[in-house]
């Protein structure tokens, strides 16, 4: 399978500016931890392990911090021999307050901006899963394989990338989406803030910016009052 961009480079830059150095990383507490015959030591720093999507959007400050952090390096090697380490590395580090742009809340699914990705739900949740989210109705390893039926949904969405398409199943959808993307890149498009403030990291960035401005205005007003 493959993934394709839903935003042009210009739009991606605008969205990343809205993030204001926040990271878009899904993470949930991993309750399914098992010890096997070959037992591992506790994770470095005795940090809590979180699990999330491998696909992430990271700020430059976060990445640079990871390269210099002994904890990040130790945790990287500690994950050797564990199941799906790539789904634990960034979700865990992004929960630590010393890492730039970290998040302290849990979110996933439709609130995850970086990827439009549909998982097949199980049990009772599957009965209420919206059928229009995966119009192809093709799932491989529980992940929706988009085709041309999904194009109306994808082209109207505010996600950054679509994951995933399968060249062996449908080339028409891929070709049409590429033409749509190319046509959009030829025009000047400015994103609407209201389309993105529902995503947790952008909402957090906006809230912090508003709080900063209010505090700055309060201090300016206080100084004027003193004079």
C-alpha atoms as a PDB file:
ATOM      1  CA  UNK A   1       0.000   0.000   0.000  1.00  0.00           C
ATOM      2  CA  UNK A   2       0.926   3.655  -0.240  1.00  0.00           C
ATOM      3  CA  UNK A   3      -0.180   6.968   1.178  1.00  0.00           C
ATOM      4  CA  UNK A   4      -0.847  10.164  -0.724  1.00  0.00           C
ATOM      5  CA  UNK A   5      -0.898  13.833   0.324  1.00  0.00           C
ATOM      6  CA  UNK A   6      -4.229  15.604   0.691  1.00  0.00           C
ATOM      7  CA  UNK A   7      -2.612  19.021   1.076  1.00  0.00           C
ATOM      8  CA  UNK A   8      -0.204  20.884  -1.192  1.00  0.00           C
ATOM      9  CA  UNK A   9       3.215  21.958   0.082  1.00  0.00           C
ATOM     10  CA  UNK A  10       1.913  25.506   0.561  1.00  0.00           C
ATOM     11  CA  UNK A  11      -1.035  24.240   2.606  1.00  0.00           C
ATOM     12  CA  UNK A  12       1.228  21.969   4.651  1.00  0.00           C
ATOM     13  CA  UNK A  13       3.418  24.941   5.564  1.00  0.00           C
ATOM     14  CA  UNK A  14       0.358  26.905   6.682  1.00  0.00           C
ATOM     15  CA  UNK A  15      -0.859  24.013   8.836  1.00  0.00           C
ATOM     16  CA  UNK A  16       2.575  23.491  10.399  1.00  0.00           C
ATOM     17  CA  UNK A  17       2.669  27.181  11.258  1.00  0.00           C
ATOM     18  CA  UNK A  18      -0.666  26.764  13.053  1.00  0.00           C
ATOM     19  CA  UNK A  19       0.871  23.967  15.126  1.00  0.00           C
ATOM     20  CA  UNK A  20       3.404  26.473  16.459  1.00  0.00           C
ATOM     21  CA  UNK A  21       5.946  23.793  17.462  1.00  0.00           C
ATOM     22  CA  UNK A  22       3.332  21.357  18.805  1.00  0.00           C
ATOM     23  CA  UNK A  23       3.480  17.676  17.811  1.00  0.00           C
ATOM     24  CA  UNK A  24       0.636  15.624  16.369  1.00  0.00           C
ATOM     25  CA  UNK A  25       1.130  12.205  17.954  1.00  0.00           C
ATOM     26  CA  UNK A  26      -1.573   9.776  19.024  1.00  0.00           C
ATOM     27  CA  UNK A  27      -0.988   8.017  22.318  1.00  0.00           C
ATOM     28  CA  UNK A  28      -2.905   5.809  24.690  1.00  0.00           C
ATOM     29  CA  UNK A  29      -1.775   3.969  27.779  1.00  0.00           C
ATOM     30  CA  UNK A  30      -0.666   0.491  26.736  1.00  0.00           C
ATOM     31  CA  UNK A  31      -2.550  -1.850  29.040  1.00  0.00           C
ATOM     32  CA  UNK A  32      -1.474  -4.980  27.136  1.00  0.00           C
ATOM     33  CA  UNK A  33       2.033  -5.399  28.475  1.00  0.00           C
ATOM     34  CA  UNK A  34       3.301  -8.959  28.799  1.00  0.00           C
ATOM     35  CA  UNK A  35       6.459 -10.392  30.312  1.00  0.00           C
ATOM     36  CA  UNK A  36       8.009 -13.303  28.457  1.00  0.00           C
ATOM     37  CA  UNK A  37      10.757 -15.799  29.273  1.00  0.00           C
ATOM     38  CA  UNK A  38      13.385 -13.207  28.377  1.00  0.00           C
ATOM     39  CA  UNK A  39      12.499 -10.494  30.862  1.00  0.00           C
ATOM     40  CA  UNK A  40      13.500  -6.892  30.273  1.00  0.00           C
ATOM     41  CA  UNK A  41      14.539  -4.361  32.833  1.00  0.00           C
ATOM     42  CA  UNK A  42      12.201  -1.474  33.579  1.00  0.00           C
ATOM     43  CA  UNK A  43      12.187   1.234  30.884  1.00  0.00           C
ATOM     44  CA  UNK A  44      14.795   3.981  31.359  1.00  0.00           C
ATOM     45  CA  UNK A  45      13.683   6.538  33.890  1.00  0.00           C
ATOM     46  CA  UNK A  46      10.828   4.162  34.747  1.00  0.00           C
ATOM     47  CA  UNK A  47       8.732   6.073  32.200  1.00  0.00           C
ATOM     48  CA  UNK A  48       5.149   5.076  31.407  1.00  0.00           C
ATOM     49  CA  UNK A  49       4.778   3.320  28.050  1.00  0.00           C
ATOM     50  CA  UNK A  50       2.243   4.683  25.559  1.00  0.00           C
ATOM     51  CA  UNK A  51       1.176   3.264  22.226  1.00  0.00           C
ATOM     52  CA  UNK A  52       0.006   5.128  19.135  1.00  0.00           C
ATOM     53  CA  UNK A  53       0.297   5.515  15.380  1.00  0.00           C
ATOM     54  CA  UNK A  54       3.682   5.217  13.713  1.00  0.00           C
ATOM     55  CA  UNK A  55       2.787   8.200  11.491  1.00  0.00           C
ATOM     56  CA  UNK A  56       3.419  11.476  13.304  1.00  0.00           C
ATOM     57  CA  UNK A  57       4.018  15.186  12.750  1.00  0.00           C
ATOM     58  CA  UNK A  58       6.938  16.439  14.837  1.00  0.00           C
ATOM     59  CA  UNK A  59       8.419  19.874  15.393  1.00  0.00           C
ATOM     60  CA  UNK A  60      12.074  20.491  14.617  1.00  0.00           C
ATOM     61  CA  UNK A  61      12.662  21.305  18.304  1.00  0.00           C
ATOM     62  CA  UNK A  62      11.267  17.916  19.337  1.00  0.00           C
ATOM     63  CA  UNK A  63      13.428  16.019  16.841  1.00  0.00           C
ATOM     64  CA  UNK A  64      16.580  17.910  17.827  1.00  0.00           C
ATOM     65  CA  UNK A  65      15.840  17.227  21.491  1.00  0.00           C
ATOM     66  CA  UNK A  66      15.460  13.508  20.751  1.00  0.00           C
ATOM     67  CA  UNK A  67      18.886  13.411  19.107  1.00  0.00           C
ATOM     68  CA  UNK A  68      20.527  15.007  22.140  1.00  0.00           C
ATOM     69  CA  UNK A  69      18.493  13.309  24.872  1.00  0.00           C
ATOM     70  CA  UNK A  70      20.108  10.413  26.730  1.00  0.00           C
ATOM     71  CA  UNK A  71      16.650   9.246  27.803  1.00  0.00           C
ATOM     72  CA  UNK A  72      15.426   9.139  24.183  1.00  0.00           C
ATOM     73  CA  UNK A  73      18.535   7.214  23.145  1.00  0.00           C
ATOM     74  CA  UNK A  74      18.287   4.752  26.033  1.00  0.00           C
ATOM     75  CA  UNK A  75      14.590   4.210  25.374  1.00  0.00           C
ATOM     76  CA  UNK A  76      15.290   3.606  21.668  1.00  0.00           C
ATOM     77  CA  UNK A  77      17.626   0.719  22.487  1.00  0.00           C
ATOM     78  CA  UNK A  78      15.418  -0.529  25.328  1.00  0.00           C
ATOM     79  CA  UNK A  79      12.630  -1.101  22.781  1.00  0.00           C
ATOM     80  CA  UNK A  80      14.760  -3.689  20.956  1.00  0.00           C
ATOM     81  CA  UNK A  81      13.048  -7.037  21.247  1.00  0.00           C
ATOM     82  CA  UNK A  82       9.629  -5.573  22.050  1.00  0.00           C
ATOM     83  CA  UNK A  83       6.519  -5.789  19.864  1.00  0.00           C
ATOM     84  CA  UNK A  84       5.937  -2.907  17.370  1.00  0.00           C
ATOM     85  CA  UNK A  85       8.573  -0.577  18.897  1.00  0.00           C
ATOM     86  CA  UNK A  86       7.847   2.063  16.247  1.00  0.00           C
ATOM     87  CA  UNK A  87       4.345   2.475  17.728  1.00  0.00           C
ATOM     88  CA  UNK A  88       5.733   3.106  21.208  1.00  0.00           C
ATOM     89  CA  UNK A  89       8.743   5.379  20.691  1.00  0.00           C
ATOM     90  CA  UNK A  90       7.250   8.766  19.779  1.00  0.00           C
ATOM     91  CA  UNK A  91       3.915   8.272  21.609  1.00  0.00           C
ATOM     92  CA  UNK A  92       5.832   7.664  24.849  1.00  0.00           C
ATOM     93  CA  UNK A  93       8.355  10.482  24.465  1.00  0.00           C
ATOM     94  CA  UNK A  94       5.664  12.967  23.445  1.00  0.00           C
ATOM     95  CA  UNK A  95       3.989  12.469  26.835  1.00  0.00           C
ATOM     96  CA  UNK A  96       7.078  13.634  28.738  1.00  0.00           C
ATOM     97  CA  UNK A  97       6.940  17.333  29.716  1.00  0.00           C
ATOM     98  CA  UNK A  98      10.644  17.939  29.054  1.00  0.00           C
ATOM     99  CA  UNK A  99      10.188  17.161  25.349  1.00  0.00           C
ATOM    100  CA  UNK A 100       9.271  20.242  23.256  1.00  0.00           C
ATOM    101  CA  UNK A 101       5.686  20.344  21.990  1.00  0.00           C
ATOM    102  CA  UNK A 102       4.596  17.466  24.231  1.00  0.00           C
ATOM    103  CA  UNK A 103       0.943  16.567  24.781  1.00  0.00           C
ATOM    104  CA  UNK A 104      -0.763  15.499  27.985  1.00  0.00           C
ATOM    105  CA  UNK A 105      -4.090  14.341  26.542  1.00  0.00           C
ATOM    106  CA  UNK A 106      -5.188  11.185  24.763  1.00  0.00           C
ATOM    107  CA  UNK A 107      -6.673  11.428  21.276  1.00  0.00           C
ATOM    108  CA  UNK A 108      -6.782   9.298  18.159  1.00  0.00           C
ATOM    109  CA  UNK A 109      -9.021   8.373  15.247  1.00  0.00           C
ATOM    110  CA  UNK A 110     -10.768  11.319  13.602  1.00  0.00           C
ATOM    111  CA  UNK A 111      -8.951  13.785  15.893  1.00  0.00           C
ATOM    112  CA  UNK A 112      -5.569  12.730  14.482  1.00  0.00           C
ATOM    113  CA  UNK A 113      -4.743  15.328  11.835  1.00  0.00           C
ATOM    114  CA  UNK A 114      -1.618  13.824  10.273  1.00  0.00           C
ATOM    115  CA  UNK A 115      -3.312  10.846   8.623  1.00  0.00           C
ATOM    116  CA  UNK A 116      -6.757   9.951   7.311  1.00  0.00           C
ATOM    117  CA  UNK A 117      -6.667   6.304   8.290  1.00  0.00           C
ATOM    118  CA  UNK A 118      -9.645   4.044   8.944  1.00  0.00           C
ATOM    119  CA  UNK A 119      -9.313   0.999  11.166  1.00  0.00           C
ATOM    120  CA  UNK A 120     -11.947  -1.725  11.139  1.00  0.00           C
ATOM    121  CA  UNK A 121     -13.522  -1.730  14.577  1.00  0.00           C
ATOM    122  CA  UNK A 122     -14.295  -4.891  16.490  1.00  0.00           C
ATOM    123  CA  UNK A 123     -17.149  -6.118  18.654  1.00  0.00           C
ATOM    124  CA  UNK A 124     -19.958  -3.731  19.563  1.00  0.00           C
ATOM    125  CA  UNK A 125     -18.048  -0.730  18.198  1.00  0.00           C
ATOM    126  CA  UNK A 126     -18.115  -2.283  14.722  1.00  0.00           C
ATOM    127  CA  UNK A 127     -21.915  -2.149  14.660  1.00  0.00           C
ATOM    128  CA  UNK A 128     -21.820   1.640  14.943  1.00  0.00           C
ATOM    129  CA  UNK A 129     -18.890   2.270  12.603  1.00  0.00           C
ATOM    130  CA  UNK A 130     -19.820   4.728   9.873  1.00  0.00           C
ATOM    131  CA  UNK A 131     -19.906   2.951   6.520  1.00  0.00           C
ATOM    132  CA  UNK A 132     -19.201   6.177   4.616  1.00  0.00           C
ATOM    133  CA  UNK A 133     -15.703   6.408   6.112  1.00  0.00           C
ATOM    134  CA  UNK A 134     -14.491   3.472   4.004  1.00  0.00           C
ATOM    135  CA  UNK A 135     -16.591   3.468   0.852  1.00  0.00           C
ATOM    136  CA  UNK A 136     -14.378   0.891  -0.835  1.00  0.00           C
ATOM    137  CA  UNK A 137     -15.318  -1.536   1.960  1.00  0.00           C
ATOM    138  CA  UNK A 138     -11.915  -3.191   1.509  1.00  0.00           C
ATOM    139  CA  UNK A 139      -9.821  -3.866   4.606  1.00  0.00           C
ATOM    140  CA  UNK A 140      -6.369  -5.446   4.745  1.00  0.00           C
ATOM    141  CA  UNK A 141      -4.909  -6.081   8.195  1.00  0.00           C
ATOM    142  CA  UNK A 142      -7.884  -4.119   9.551  1.00  0.00           C
ATOM    143  CA  UNK A 143      -6.928  -0.949   7.598  1.00  0.00           C
ATOM    144  CA  UNK A 144      -9.208   0.539   4.938  1.00  0.00           C
ATOM    145  CA  UNK A 145      -7.801   0.408   1.410  1.00  0.00           C
ATOM    146  CA  UNK A 146      -9.111   3.557  -0.265  1.00  0.00           C
ATOM    147  CA  UNK A 147     -10.224   3.517  -3.891  1.00  0.00           C
ATOM    148  CA  UNK A 148     -12.047   5.902  -6.227  1.00  0.00           C
ATOM    149  CA  UNK A 149     -15.250   5.577  -4.194  1.00  0.00           C
ATOM    150  CA  UNK A 150     -13.522   7.394  -1.317  1.00  0.00           C
ATOM    151  CA  UNK A 151     -12.370  10.438  -3.304  1.00  0.00           C
ATOM    152  CA  UNK A 152     -15.312  12.728  -2.367  1.00  0.00           C
ATOM    153  CA  UNK A 153     -14.612  12.132   1.325  1.00  0.00           C
ATOM    154  CA  UNK A 154     -10.851  12.490   1.013  1.00  0.00           C
ATOM    155  CA  UNK A 155     -10.829  15.672  -1.062  1.00  0.00           C
ATOM    156  CA  UNK A 156     -13.180  17.410   1.391  1.00  0.00           C
ATOM    157  CA  UNK A 157     -11.272  16.353   4.497  1.00  0.00           C
ATOM    158  CA  UNK A 158      -8.789  18.437   6.490  1.00  0.00           C
ATOM    159  CA  UNK A 159      -6.264  15.665   7.080  1.00  0.00           C
ATOM    160  CA  UNK A 160      -2.730  15.953   5.742  1.00  0.00           C
ATOM    161  CA  UNK A 161      -2.243  12.509   4.169  1.00  0.00           C
ATOM    162  CA  UNK A 162      -4.459   9.571   3.211  1.00  0.00           C
ATOM    163  CA  UNK A 163      -3.355   6.137   4.366  1.00  0.00           C
ATOM    164  CA  UNK A 164      -3.681   3.995   2.494  1.00  0.00           C
ATOM    165  CA  UNK A 165      -4.149   3.236  -1.202  1.00  0.00           C
ATOM    166  CA  UNK A 166      -3.301  -0.091  -2.796  1.00  0.00           C
ATOM    167  CA  UNK A 167      -1.885  -0.049  -6.323  1.00  0.00           C
ATOM    168  CA  UNK A 168      -2.803  -3.694  -6.816  1.00  0.00           C
ATOM    169  CA  UNK A 169      -6.478  -3.037  -6.124  1.00  0.00           C
ATOM    170  CA  UNK A 170      -7.216   0.317  -7.731  1.00  0.00           C
ATOM    171  CA  UNK A 171      -5.127   2.711  -9.824  1.00  0.00           C
ATOM    172  CA  UNK A 172      -8.043   4.905 -10.901  1.00  0.00           C
ATOM    173  CA  UNK A 173      -8.425   6.480  -7.461  1.00  0.00           C
ATOM    174  CA  UNK A 174      -4.686   7.120  -7.209  1.00  0.00           C
ATOM    175  CA  UNK A 175      -4.552   8.721 -10.660  1.00  0.00           C
ATOM    176  CA  UNK A 176      -7.579  10.936  -9.990  1.00  0.00           C
ATOM    177  CA  UNK A 177      -6.247  12.073  -6.620  1.00  0.00           C
ATOM    178  CA  UNK A 178      -2.865  12.927  -8.154  1.00  0.00           C
ATOM    179  CA  UNK A 179      -4.555  15.038 -10.851  1.00  0.00           C
ATOM    180  CA  UNK A 180      -6.708  16.780  -8.221  1.00  0.00           C
ATOM    181  CA  UNK A 181      -3.641  17.496  -6.112  1.00  0.00           C
ATOM    182  CA  UNK A 182      -1.687  18.848  -9.080  1.00  0.00           C
ATOM    183  CA  UNK A 183      -4.551  21.143 -10.104  1.00  0.00           C
ATOM    184  CA  UNK A 184      -4.842  22.447  -6.543  1.00  0.00           C
ATOM    185  CA  UNK A 185      -1.112  23.163  -6.382  1.00  0.00           C
ATOM    186  CA  UNK A 186      -1.466  25.460  -9.406  1.00  0.00           C
ATOM    187  CA  UNK A 187      -3.843  27.781  -7.551  1.00  0.00           C
ATOM    188  CA  UNK A 188      -3.333  30.034  -4.545  1.00  0.00           C
ATOM    189  CA  UNK A 189      -5.104  28.468  -1.587  1.00  0.00           C
ATOM    190  CA  UNK A 190      -5.249  29.839   1.950  1.00  0.00           C
ATOM    191  CA  UNK A 191      -6.445  27.435   4.594  1.00  0.00           C
ATOM    192  CA  UNK A 192      -9.310  28.317   6.923  1.00  0.00           C
ATOM    193  CA  UNK A 193      -8.344  28.285  10.598  1.00  0.00           C
ATOM    194  CA  UNK A 194     -11.828  27.064  11.519  1.00  0.00           C
ATOM    195  CA  UNK A 195     -11.188  23.853   9.577  1.00  0.00           C
ATOM    196  CA  UNK A 196      -8.252  22.928  11.798  1.00  0.00           C
ATOM    197  CA  UNK A 197      -8.906  24.235  15.307  1.00  0.00           C
ATOM    198  CA  UNK A 198     -10.787  21.014  16.139  1.00  0.00           C
ATOM    199  CA  UNK A 199      -7.506  19.095  16.127  1.00  0.00           C
ATOM    200  CA  UNK A 200      -6.043  18.920  19.680  1.00  0.00           C
ATOM    201  CA  UNK A 201      -2.469  20.170  19.027  1.00  0.00           C
ATOM    202  CA  UNK A 202      -3.667  23.162  16.990  1.00  0.00           C
ATOM    203  CA  UNK A 203      -6.354  23.965  19.563  1.00  0.00           C
ATOM    204  CA  UNK A 204      -3.689  23.855  22.261  1.00  0.00           C
ATOM    205  CA  UNK A 205      -1.406  26.152  20.243  1.00  0.00           C
ATOM    206  CA  UNK A 206      -4.257  28.630  19.701  1.00  0.00           C
ATOM    207  CA  UNK A 207      -5.289  28.555  23.373  1.00  0.00           C
ATOM    208  CA  UNK A 208      -1.705  29.177  24.493  1.00  0.00           C
ATOM    209  CA  UNK A 209      -1.350  32.035  22.005  1.00  0.00           C
ATOM    210  CA  UNK A 210      -4.577  33.642  23.247  1.00  0.00           C
ATOM    211  CA  UNK A 211      -3.483  33.225  26.880  1.00  0.00           C
ATOM    212  CA  UNK A 212      -0.117  34.802  26.062  1.00  0.00           C
ATOM    213  CA  UNK A 213      -1.755  37.801  24.383  1.00  0.00           C
ATOM    214  CA  UNK A 214      -4.185  38.272  27.282  1.00  0.00           C
ATOM    215  CA  UNK A 215      -1.349  38.140  29.802  1.00  0.00           C
ATOM    216  CA  UNK A 216       0.756  40.525  27.717  1.00  0.00           C
ATOM    217  CA  UNK A 217      -2.135  42.996  27.470  1.00  0.00           C
ATOM    218  CA  UNK A 218      -2.765  42.666  31.211  1.00  0.00           C
ATOM    219  CA  UNK A 219       0.859  43.497  31.992  1.00  0.00           C
ATOM    220  CA  UNK A 220       0.863  46.430  29.559  1.00  0.00           C
ATOM    221  CA  UNK A 221      -2.342  47.751  31.132  1.00  0.00           C
ATOM    222  CA  UNK A 222      -0.871  47.311  34.622  1.00  0.00           C
ATOM    223  CA  UNK A 223       2.241  49.289  33.698  1.00  0.00           C
ATOM    224  CA  UNK A 224       0.132  52.102  32.242  1.00  0.00           C
ATOM    225  CA  UNK A 225      -1.982  52.151  35.403  1.00  0.00           C
ATOM    226  CA  UNK A 226       1.147  52.479  37.581  1.00  0.00           C
ATOM    227  CA  UNK A 227       2.335  55.475  35.553  1.00  0.00           C
END
